[in-house]
C-alpha atoms as a PDB file:
ATOM      1  CA  UNK A   1    -127.217 -39.549  83.195  1.00  0.00           C
ATOM      2  CA  UNK A   2    -125.107 -36.536  82.385  1.00  0.00           C
ATOM      3  CA  UNK A   3    -121.353 -37.191  82.518  1.00  0.00           C
ATOM      4  CA  UNK A   4    -120.338 -33.539  82.658  1.00  0.00           C
ATOM      5  CA  UNK A   5    -121.629 -30.026  82.268  1.00  0.00           C
ATOM      6  CA  UNK A   6    -120.255 -26.595  81.644  1.00  0.00           C
ATOM      7  CA  UNK A   7    -121.815 -23.167  82.076  1.00  0.00           C
ATOM      8  CA  UNK A   8    -120.773 -20.409  79.702  1.00  0.00           C
ATOM      9  CA  UNK A   9    -121.568 -17.133  81.534  1.00  0.00           C
ATOM     10  CA  UNK A  10    -121.315 -15.075  78.329  1.00  0.00           C
ATOM     11  CA  UNK A  11    -123.736 -17.438  76.578  1.00  0.00           C
ATOM     12  CA  UNK A  12    -126.146 -17.277  79.496  1.00  0.00           C
ATOM     13  CA  UNK A  13    -125.942 -13.465  79.480  1.00  0.00           C
ATOM     14  CA  UNK A  14    -126.765 -13.413  75.745  1.00  0.00           C
ATOM     15  CA  UNK A  15    -129.852 -15.537  76.374  1.00  0.00           C
ATOM     16  CA  UNK A  16    -130.901 -13.288  79.265  1.00  0.00           C
ATOM     17  CA  UNK A  17    -130.441 -10.199  77.068  1.00  0.00           C
ATOM     18  CA  UNK A  18    -132.436 -11.772  74.217  1.00  0.00           C
ATOM     19  CA  UNK A  19    -135.292 -12.869  76.486  1.00  0.00           C
ATOM     20  CA  UNK A  20    -135.339  -9.441  78.165  1.00  0.00           C
ATOM     21  CA  UNK A  21    -135.643  -7.730  74.774  1.00  0.00           C
ATOM     22  CA  UNK A  22    -138.417 -10.121  73.722  1.00  0.00           C
ATOM     23  CA  UNK A  23    -140.235  -9.608  77.033  1.00  0.00           C
ATOM     24  CA  UNK A  24    -140.095  -5.826  76.578  1.00  0.00           C
ATOM     25  CA  UNK A  25    -141.484  -6.166  73.053  1.00  0.00           C
ATOM     26  CA  UNK A  26    -144.260  -8.426  74.357  1.00  0.00           C
ATOM     27  CA  UNK A  27    -145.019  -5.954  77.127  1.00  0.00           C
ATOM     28  CA  UNK A  28    -145.306  -3.121  74.606  1.00  0.00           C
ATOM     29  CA  UNK A  29    -147.609  -5.199  72.449  1.00  0.00           C
ATOM     30  CA  UNK A  30    -149.782  -6.184  75.390  1.00  0.00           C
ATOM     31  CA  UNK A  31    -150.000  -2.632  76.687  1.00  0.00           C
ATOM     32  CA  UNK A  32    -151.577  -1.507  73.412  1.00  0.00           C
ATOM     33  CA  UNK A  33    -153.740  -4.639  73.169  1.00  0.00           C
ATOM     34  CA  UNK A  34    -156.604  -3.086  75.117  1.00  0.00           C
ATOM     35  CA  UNK A  35    -156.684  -0.103  72.762  1.00  0.00           C
ATOM     36  CA  UNK A  36    -156.659  -2.466  69.785  1.00  0.00           C
ATOM     37  CA  UNK A  37    -159.580  -4.438  71.197  1.00  0.00           C
ATOM     38  CA  UNK A  38    -161.513  -1.257  71.871  1.00  0.00           C
ATOM     39  CA  UNK A  39    -160.914  -0.215  68.254  1.00  0.00           C
ATOM     40  CA  UNK A  40    -162.295  -3.556  67.038  1.00  0.00           C
ATOM     41  CA  UNK A  41    -165.363  -3.356  69.254  1.00  0.00           C
ATOM     42  CA  UNK A  42    -166.057   0.238  68.235  1.00  0.00           C
ATOM     43  CA  UNK A  43    -165.450  -0.528  64.570  1.00  0.00           C
ATOM     44  CA  UNK A  44    -167.778  -3.501  64.462  1.00  0.00           C
ATOM     45  CA  UNK A  45    -170.420  -1.992  66.731  1.00  0.00           C
ATOM     46  CA  UNK A  46    -171.351  -5.553  67.555  1.00  0.00           C
ATOM     47  CA  UNK A  47    -172.457  -6.736  70.978  1.00  0.00           C
ATOM     48  CA  UNK A  48    -171.481 -10.281  69.987  1.00  0.00           C
ATOM     49  CA  UNK A  49    -167.908  -9.238  69.151  1.00  0.00           C
ATOM     50  CA  UNK A  50    -167.658  -7.245  72.370  1.00  0.00           C
ATOM     51  CA  UNK A  51    -168.969 -10.215  74.351  1.00  0.00           C
ATOM     52  CA  UNK A  52    -166.565 -12.647  72.652  1.00  0.00           C
ATOM     53  CA  UNK A  53    -163.581 -10.382  73.245  1.00  0.00           C
ATOM     54  CA  UNK A  54    -164.566  -9.913  76.874  1.00  0.00           C
ATOM     55  CA  UNK A  55    -164.838 -13.688  77.304  1.00  0.00           C
ATOM     56  CA  UNK A  56    -161.390 -14.058  75.715  1.00  0.00           C
ATOM     57  CA  UNK A  57    -159.918 -11.507  78.118  1.00  0.00           C
ATOM     58  CA  UNK A  58    -161.627 -13.140  81.093  1.00  0.00           C
ATOM     59  CA  UNK A  59    -160.014 -16.478  80.232  1.00  0.00           C
ATOM     60  CA  UNK A  60    -156.552 -15.321  79.164  1.00  0.00           C
ATOM     61  CA  UNK A  61    -155.703 -12.103  81.007  1.00  0.00           C
ATOM     62  CA  UNK A  62    -154.648 -13.994  84.139  1.00  0.00           C
ATOM     63  CA  UNK A  63    -152.336 -16.231  82.108  1.00  0.00           C
ATOM     64  CA  UNK A  64    -150.807 -13.232  80.367  1.00  0.00           C
ATOM     65  CA  UNK A  65    -150.207 -11.484  83.693  1.00  0.00           C
ATOM     66  CA  UNK A  66    -148.620 -14.618  85.111  1.00  0.00           C
ATOM     67  CA  UNK A  67    -146.232 -14.833  82.162  1.00  0.00           C
ATOM     68  CA  UNK A  68    -145.324 -11.166  82.486  1.00  0.00           C
ATOM     69  CA  UNK A  69    -144.605 -11.627  86.206  1.00  0.00           C
ATOM     70  CA  UNK A  70    -142.660 -14.877  85.897  1.00  0.00           C
ATOM     71  CA  UNK A  71    -140.268 -13.955  83.102  1.00  0.00           C
ATOM     72  CA  UNK A  72    -138.284 -11.431  85.207  1.00  0.00           C
ATOM     73  CA  UNK A  73    -138.240 -13.826  88.173  1.00  0.00           C
ATOM     74  CA  UNK A  74    -136.913 -16.662  86.016  1.00  0.00           C
ATOM     75  CA  UNK A  75    -134.251 -14.421  84.483  1.00  0.00           C
ATOM     76  CA  UNK A  76    -133.131 -13.356  87.954  1.00  0.00           C
ATOM     77  CA  UNK A  77    -132.950 -16.991  89.073  1.00  0.00           C
ATOM     78  CA  UNK A  78    -130.911 -17.939  85.997  1.00  0.00           C
ATOM     79  CA  UNK A  79    -128.466 -15.091  86.612  1.00  0.00           C
ATOM     80  CA  UNK A  80    -128.161 -16.074  90.278  1.00  0.00           C
ATOM     81  CA  UNK A  81    -127.550 -19.724  89.442  1.00  0.00           C
ATOM     82  CA  UNK A  82    -124.922 -18.792  86.849  1.00  0.00           C
ATOM     83  CA  UNK A  83    -123.158 -16.532  89.358  1.00  0.00           C
ATOM     84  CA  UNK A  84    -123.209 -19.318  91.952  1.00  0.00           C
ATOM     85  CA  UNK A  85    -121.720 -21.843  89.516  1.00  0.00           C
ATOM     86  CA  UNK A  86    -119.019 -19.370  88.468  1.00  0.00           C
ATOM     87  CA  UNK A  87    -118.193 -18.568  92.096  1.00  0.00           C
ATOM     88  CA  UNK A  88    -118.053 -22.303  92.867  1.00  0.00           C
ATOM     89  CA  UNK A  89    -115.722 -22.892  89.928  1.00  0.00           C
ATOM     90  CA  UNK A  90    -113.473 -20.066  91.123  1.00  0.00           C
ATOM     91  CA  UNK A  91    -113.490 -21.427  94.684  1.00  0.00           C
ATOM     92  CA  UNK A  92    -112.682 -24.983  93.530  1.00  0.00           C
ATOM     93  CA  UNK A  93    -109.805 -23.724  91.363  1.00  0.00           C
ATOM     94  CA  UNK A  94    -108.449 -21.641  94.240  1.00  0.00           C
ATOM     95  CA  UNK A  95    -108.689 -24.565  96.688  1.00  0.00           C
ATOM     96  CA  UNK A  96    -106.981 -26.917  94.235  1.00  0.00           C
ATOM     97  CA  UNK A  97    -104.158 -24.464  93.654  1.00  0.00           C
ATOM     98  CA  UNK A  98    -103.716 -23.916  97.390  1.00  0.00           C
ATOM     99  CA  UNK A  99    -103.615 -27.680  98.024  1.00  0.00           C
ATOM    100  CA  UNK A 100    -101.029 -28.145  95.270  1.00  0.00           C
ATOM    101  CA  UNK A 101     -98.873 -25.360  96.698  1.00  0.00           C
ATOM    102  CA  UNK A 102     -99.151 -26.890 100.190  1.00  0.00           C
ATOM    103  CA  UNK A 103     -97.969 -30.215  98.788  1.00  0.00           C
ATOM    104  CA  UNK A 104     -95.031 -28.613  96.970  1.00  0.00           C
ATOM    105  CA  UNK A 105     -94.083 -26.525 100.027  1.00  0.00           C
ATOM    106  CA  UNK A 106     -93.838 -29.726 102.073  1.00  0.00           C
ATOM    107  CA  UNK A 107     -91.288 -31.216  99.624  1.00  0.00           C
ATOM    108  CA  UNK A 108     -88.037 -29.343 100.018  1.00  0.00           C
ATOM    109  CA  UNK A 109     -85.323 -32.009  99.949  1.00  0.00           C
ATOM    110  CA  UNK A 110     -83.601 -33.031  96.747  1.00  0.00           C
ATOM    111  CA  UNK A 111     -82.310 -36.608  96.647  1.00  0.00           C
ATOM    112  CA  UNK A 112     -80.112 -38.350  94.129  1.00  0.00           C
ATOM    113  CA  UNK A 113     -81.930 -40.478  91.582  1.00  0.00           C
ATOM    114  CA  UNK A 114     -80.581 -43.087  89.229  1.00  0.00           C
ATOM    115  CA  UNK A 115     -78.473 -41.818  86.369  1.00  0.00           C
ATOM    116  CA  UNK A 116     -77.145 -38.852  88.340  1.00  0.00           C
ATOM    117  CA  UNK A 117     -80.461 -37.006  88.320  1.00  0.00           C
ATOM    118  CA  UNK A 118     -81.871 -35.222  91.339  1.00  0.00           C
ATOM    119  CA  UNK A 119     -85.482 -35.144  92.401  1.00  0.00           C
ATOM    120  CA  UNK A 120     -87.706 -33.912  95.194  1.00  0.00           C
ATOM    121  CA  UNK A 121     -88.098 -36.136  98.222  1.00  0.00           C
END
């Protein structure tokens, strides 16, 4: 059980920026992957190599596409959740301050206390 938690928006933004940069690098690598495979197939002039690479692509291309599609969605969800937590923190702080001010505004009478001191009633 977690006793407390804290979200650091700047830390979250750094992670989002890092993952975005890595995702762009991965996208660049994957976009040239087909050309690289074609180079291998042409260079080897082997039907077996071509068949093996095609089988590899058949198995893994869907997974790669899924990863490429999910990363931006996850980053958007993380940013949205962080914004919601920050907004909630701001709202709770504002409500607490307003409640404290309401309590103080209701106490306007000073009364004598022991030792000649005066306090709020």
